[in-house]
Protein backbone atom coordinates (compact mmCIF):
# COMPACT_ATOMS: atom_id res chain seq x y z
CA UNK A 1 102.05 134.68 43.53
CA UNK A 2 105.11 132.89 42.12
CA UNK A 3 105.98 129.33 42.98
CA UNK A 4 103.50 128.69 46.04
CA UNK A 5 102.01 125.67 47.46
CA UNK A 6 99.73 125.61 50.53
CA UNK A 7 98.64 122.72 52.30
CA UNK A 8 95.30 122.86 54.24
CA UNK A 9 93.82 120.39 56.55
CA UNK A 10 90.25 120.00 56.42
CA UNK A 11 88.72 118.36 59.36
CA UNK A 12 89.39 114.83 60.51
CA UNK A 13 89.56 111.98 58.11
CA UNK A 14 90.74 108.56 58.90
CA UNK A 15 93.36 107.86 56.12
CA UNK A 16 94.34 104.61 54.58
CA UNK A 17 95.37 102.00 57.02
CA UNK A 18 93.14 103.28 59.80
CA UNK A 19 89.72 101.04 59.32
CA UNK A 20 88.00 100.22 62.33
CA UNK A 21 85.11 97.84 62.33
CA UNK A 22 81.95 97.98 64.36
CA UNK A 23 81.84 101.70 64.72
CA UNK A 24 78.88 103.21 66.63
CA UNK A 25 76.99 105.42 64.04
CA UNK A 26 75.19 108.42 64.81
CA UNK A 27 71.49 107.93 63.57
CA UNK A 28 70.99 111.50 62.15
CA UNK A 29 74.47 111.54 60.11
CA UNK A 30 75.38 108.01 59.55
CA UNK A 31 78.80 108.67 61.25
CA UNK A 32 80.56 108.09 64.57
CA UNK A 33 80.06 110.99 66.76
CA UNK A 34 83.57 112.25 67.33
CA UNK A 35 83.52 112.35 70.81
CA UNK A 36 82.47 108.72 71.12
CA UNK A 37 85.23 107.59 68.68
CA UNK A 38 88.14 109.13 70.72
CA UNK A 39 87.05 107.60 73.96
CA UNK A 40 86.42 104.31 72.32
CA UNK A 41 89.80 104.20 70.60
CA UNK A 42 91.21 105.52 73.89
CA UNK A 43 90.39 101.98 75.56
CA UNK A 44 92.20 99.99 73.34
CA UNK A 45 94.99 102.30 72.73
CA UNK A 46 95.78 102.25 76.54
CA UNK A 47 95.73 98.19 76.00
CA UNK A 48 98.56 98.76 73.40
CA UNK A 49 96.38 98.44 70.13
CA UNK A 50 98.57 100.34 67.40
CA UNK A 51 95.54 101.01 65.26
CA UNK A 52 93.59 102.74 68.22
CA UNK A 53 96.73 104.44 69.35
CA UNK A 54 97.11 106.05 65.70
CA UNK A 55 93.47 106.90 65.60
CA UNK A 56 93.60 108.57 69.07
CA UNK A 57 96.72 110.60 68.44
CA UNK A 58 94.82 111.91 65.09
CA UNK A 59 91.85 112.81 67.19
CA UNK A 60 94.21 114.91 69.37
CA UNK A 61 96.00 116.51 66.19
CA UNK A 62 92.76 117.62 65.05
CA UNK A 63 90.92 118.36 68.08
CA UNK A 64 88.01 116.01 67.31
CA UNK A 65 86.21 114.77 70.27
CA UNK A 66 88.92 116.09 72.49
CA UNK A 67 90.81 119.34 73.00
CA UNK A 68 93.59 119.90 70.14
CA UNK A 69 96.84 118.95 71.63
CA UNK A 70 99.87 118.11 69.54
CA UNK A 71 102.13 117.04 72.24
CA UNK A 72 99.54 114.23 73.22
CA UNK A 73 98.94 113.33 69.70
CA UNK A 74 102.77 112.67 69.56
CA UNK A 75 102.74 110.55 72.70
CA UNK A 76 100.24 108.02 71.08
CA UNK A 77 101.98 108.23 67.62
CA UNK A 78 105.05 107.25 69.32
CA UNK A 79 103.69 104.33 71.06
CA UNK A 80 102.01 103.00 67.77
CA UNK A 81 105.26 104.02 65.82
CA UNK A 82 107.44 101.81 68.33
CA UNK A 83 105.20 98.86 67.40
CA UNK A 84 106.08 99.40 63.67
CA UNK A 85 102.91 100.99 62.61
CA UNK A 86 103.61 102.72 59.46
CA UNK A 87 100.64 105.44 59.69
CA UNK A 88 102.10 106.17 62.98
CA UNK A 89 105.66 106.42 61.77
CA UNK A 90 104.49 108.72 58.84
CA UNK A 91 102.65 110.91 61.32
CA UNK A 92 105.54 111.10 64.02
CA UNK A 93 107.77 112.33 60.86
CA UNK A 94 105.32 114.88 60.03
CA UNK A 95 105.42 116.08 63.72
CA UNK A 96 109.33 116.23 63.92
CA UNK A 97 109.40 117.84 60.35
CA UNK A 98 106.98 120.75 61.14
CA UNK A 99 107.68 120.99 64.88
CA UNK A 100 104.30 120.19 66.06
CA UNK A 101 104.15 118.77 69.60
CA UNK A 102 107.93 118.47 69.50
CA UNK A 103 110.90 120.54 68.59
CA UNK A 104 111.52 120.63 64.83
CA UNK A 105 114.37 118.12 63.96
CA UNK A 106 114.43 116.83 60.30
CA UNK A 107 116.92 114.41 61.09
CA UNK A 108 114.25 112.24 63.42
CA UNK A 109 111.79 112.99 60.97
CA UNK A 110 113.83 111.06 58.36
CA UNK A 111 114.25 108.46 60.70
CA UNK A 112 110.90 107.95 61.49
CA UNK A 113 109.50 107.99 57.78
CA UNK A 114 112.13 105.82 56.50
CA UNK A 115 110.89 102.31 57.88
CA UNK A 116 107.26 103.47 56.96
CA UNK A 117 108.54 104.58 53.48
CA UNK A 118 110.50 101.38 52.61
CA UNK A 119 107.31 99.51 53.60
CA UNK A 120 105.68 101.20 50.92
CA UNK A 121 103.66 103.73 52.70
CA UNK A 122 102.69 106.63 49.80
CA UNK A 123 102.71 109.50 52.16
CA UNK A 124 105.89 108.54 53.89
CA UNK A 125 107.86 108.35 50.60
CA UNK A 126 106.33 111.65 49.74
CA UNK A 127 107.52 113.32 53.06
CA UNK A 128 111.09 111.93 52.78
CA UNK A 129 111.26 113.22 49.40
CA UNK A 130 110.11 116.57 50.77
CA UNK A 131 112.73 116.49 53.65
CA UNK A 132 115.58 115.49 51.09
CA UNK A 133 114.79 118.17 48.67
CA UNK A 134 114.38 120.98 51.67
CA UNK A 135 117.54 119.77 53.57
CA UNK A 136 120.56 122.03 53.75
CA UNK A 137 122.28 121.45 51.49
CA UNK A 138 119.52 119.75 49.11
CA UNK A 139 119.85 116.04 48.00
CA UNK A 140 118.13 116.15 44.94
CA UNK A 141 118.99 112.49 43.61
CA UNK A 142 117.73 111.00 47.17
CA UNK A 143 114.65 113.48 46.88
CA UNK A 144 113.73 111.99 43.32
CA UNK A 145 114.23 108.58 44.54
CA UNK A 146 111.50 108.72 47.20
CA UNK A 147 109.41 111.29 45.09
CA UNK A 148 109.35 108.79 42.24
CA UNK A 149 108.12 106.03 44.36
CA UNK A 150 105.38 107.98 45.67
CA UNK A 151 104.55 109.56 42.13
CA UNK A 152 104.17 105.90 41.12
CA UNK A 153 101.47 105.60 43.59
CA UNK A 154 99.72 108.92 42.64
CA UNK A 155 101.21 111.61 44.92
CA UNK A 156 100.21 115.06 43.66
CA UNK A 157 103.05 116.73 46.01
CA UNK A 158 105.55 114.22 44.91
CA UNK A 159 104.84 115.25 41.27
CA UNK A 160 105.16 118.82 42.09
CA UNK A 161 108.31 118.06 44.03
CA UNK A 162 109.81 116.39 41.02
CA UNK A 163 108.62 119.40 38.81
CA UNK A 164 110.73 121.60 41.15
CA UNK A 165 113.80 119.64 40.77
CA UNK A 166 113.84 119.46 37.08
CA UNK A 167 113.01 122.69 36.59
CA UNK A 168 115.73 124.13 39.06
CA UNK A 169 118.68 121.40 38.17
CA UNK A 170 121.89 121.27 39.75
CA UNK A 171 122.98 119.28 43.04
CA UNK A 172 123.36 116.35 40.94
CA UNK A 173 120.42 116.50 38.75
CA UNK A 174 120.71 118.04 35.19
CA UNK A 175 118.04 120.74 34.35
CA UNK A 176 115.41 119.12 32.11
CA UNK A 177 112.41 121.77 31.24
CA UNK A 178 110.51 118.87 29.25
CA UNK A 179 110.28 116.80 32.38
CA UNK A 180 109.86 119.82 34.40
CA UNK A 181 106.68 120.75 32.57
CA UNK A 182 105.35 117.09 32.11
CA UNK A 183 105.58 116.51 35.94
CA UNK A 184 103.79 120.02 36.60
CA UNK A 185 100.75 118.75 34.54
CA UNK A 186 100.90 115.17 36.03
CA UNK A 187 100.24 117.14 39.31
CA UNK A 188 96.59 117.45 38.13
CA UNK A 189 96.11 113.47 38.05
CA UNK A 190 97.67 112.96 41.45
CA UNK A 191 96.08 112.57 44.98
CA UNK A 192 96.50 113.64 48.55
CA UNK A 193 95.81 112.29 52.00
CA UNK A 194 92.38 112.49 52.79
CA UNK A 195 91.48 115.88 54.43
CA UNK A 196 94.07 117.54 52.60
CA UNK A 197 94.03 119.76 49.46
CA UNK A 198 97.01 121.24 47.18
CA UNK A 199 96.76 124.66 45.82
CA UNK A 200 99.24 125.60 42.86
CA UNK A 201 99.68 129.14 41.56
CA UNK A 202 99.07 129.83 37.87
CA UNK A 203 98.65 126.14 36.59
CA UNK A 204 96.61 125.73 33.18
CA UNK A 205 93.12 124.33 33.82
CA UNK A 206 94.16 122.02 30.92
CA UNK A 207 97.03 119.68 31.01
CA UNK A 208 98.44 120.82 27.73
CA UNK A 209 98.50 124.62 26.97
CA UNK A 210 100.44 127.93 27.45
CA UNK A 211 98.98 130.36 29.90
CA UNK A 212 100.21 133.67 30.15
CA UNK A 213 101.46 133.62 33.63
CA UNK A 214 101.95 131.41 36.77
CA UNK A 215 104.36 128.53 37.34
CA UNK A 216 103.54 126.97 33.81
CA UNK A 217 103.92 130.40 32.00
CA UNK A 218 107.39 130.92 33.63
CA UNK A 219 108.53 127.64 32.63
CA UNK A 220 107.16 127.68 29.16
CA UNK A 221 108.35 131.18 28.01
CA UNK A 222 111.81 129.85 27.85
CA UNK A 223 110.78 126.49 26.19
CA UNK A 224 110.47 125.77 22.40
CA UNK A 225 107.19 124.63 20.82
CA UNK A 226 109.02 121.36 20.29
CA UNK A 227 109.86 120.99 23.79
CA UNK A 228 106.38 121.85 24.99
CA UNK A 229 104.97 119.18 22.61
CA UNK A 230 107.39 116.62 24.12
CA UNK A 231 106.26 117.39 27.23
CA UNK A 232 102.81 116.79 26.50
CA UNK A 233 103.52 113.50 24.70
CA UNK A 234 105.46 112.12 27.80
CA UNK A 235 102.37 113.14 30.00
CA UNK A 236 100.02 111.26 27.34
CA UNK A 237 102.50 108.12 28.11
CA UNK A 238 102.18 108.43 31.77
CA UNK A 239 98.37 109.00 31.99
CA UNK A 240 97.40 106.07 29.67
CA UNK A 241 94.04 104.72 31.17
CA UNK A 242 94.31 107.41 33.87
CA UNK A 243 91.54 109.47 34.66
CA UNK A 244 91.15 112.76 36.72
CA UNK A 245 90.02 112.26 40.25
CA UNK A 246 86.14 112.47 40.39
CA UNK A 247 86.59 114.83 43.40
CA UNK A 248 89.18 117.35 42.43
CA UNK A 249 92.08 117.24 44.95
CA UNK A 250 94.04 119.88 43.06
CA UNK A 251 92.75 123.58 43.21
CA UNK A 252 94.27 125.50 40.49
CA UNK A 253 94.73 129.24 41.07
CA UNK A 254 95.31 132.07 38.45
CA UNK A 255 97.75 134.58 39.16
CA UNK A 256 96.58 137.76 40.27
């Protein structure tokens, strides 16, 4: 399966920063009906409320309570983003990075992610790291800068991105198998935005070990026992006092 990463959206979840008080709950489920939520946000969104605009954009993006419409999602994200709403700026960045509702444009994606990332928005920092790592040509030093900030806040994708960079080396960054292995194992302690999951091919179920194949096997085959031990020690330093998430956000797949 090689170095494969799959990101999957799983329904509608209001991510960090989108908290709305006095929600009308469905008596049977305890949750606000999706259709009612979208319509309730619409009134506030049309009045210029950035939180409601972002929530309405998310409803259009995921098709909850309204027909899925990426273009309409972008309209509402942009209105909120222009008001400085970090969540909306990240969502608009994603839209440009993936070409959803707008023409794909990585320069605009970076421009919208930057203010949110500078404000400390973890997923914007992660996205900037991705954009710099995947740019043509890649800018590994800047990618590491933003990945590092997101990793400090617990981003699983940022940690995986740092693994890729240290495993490959070049572009202004020295190859470092010890750090590459430590960051690969550190992914397991990371987290994702609500409603998202990260699947990594061939990563060991335990933080320290030497599986026969997969991403970890490809890396450790060329490493000495001392280097593997050093990676384990580095991981222990990073995870002092940290626990694995109660609800696993990382799915580990064995290579076929």
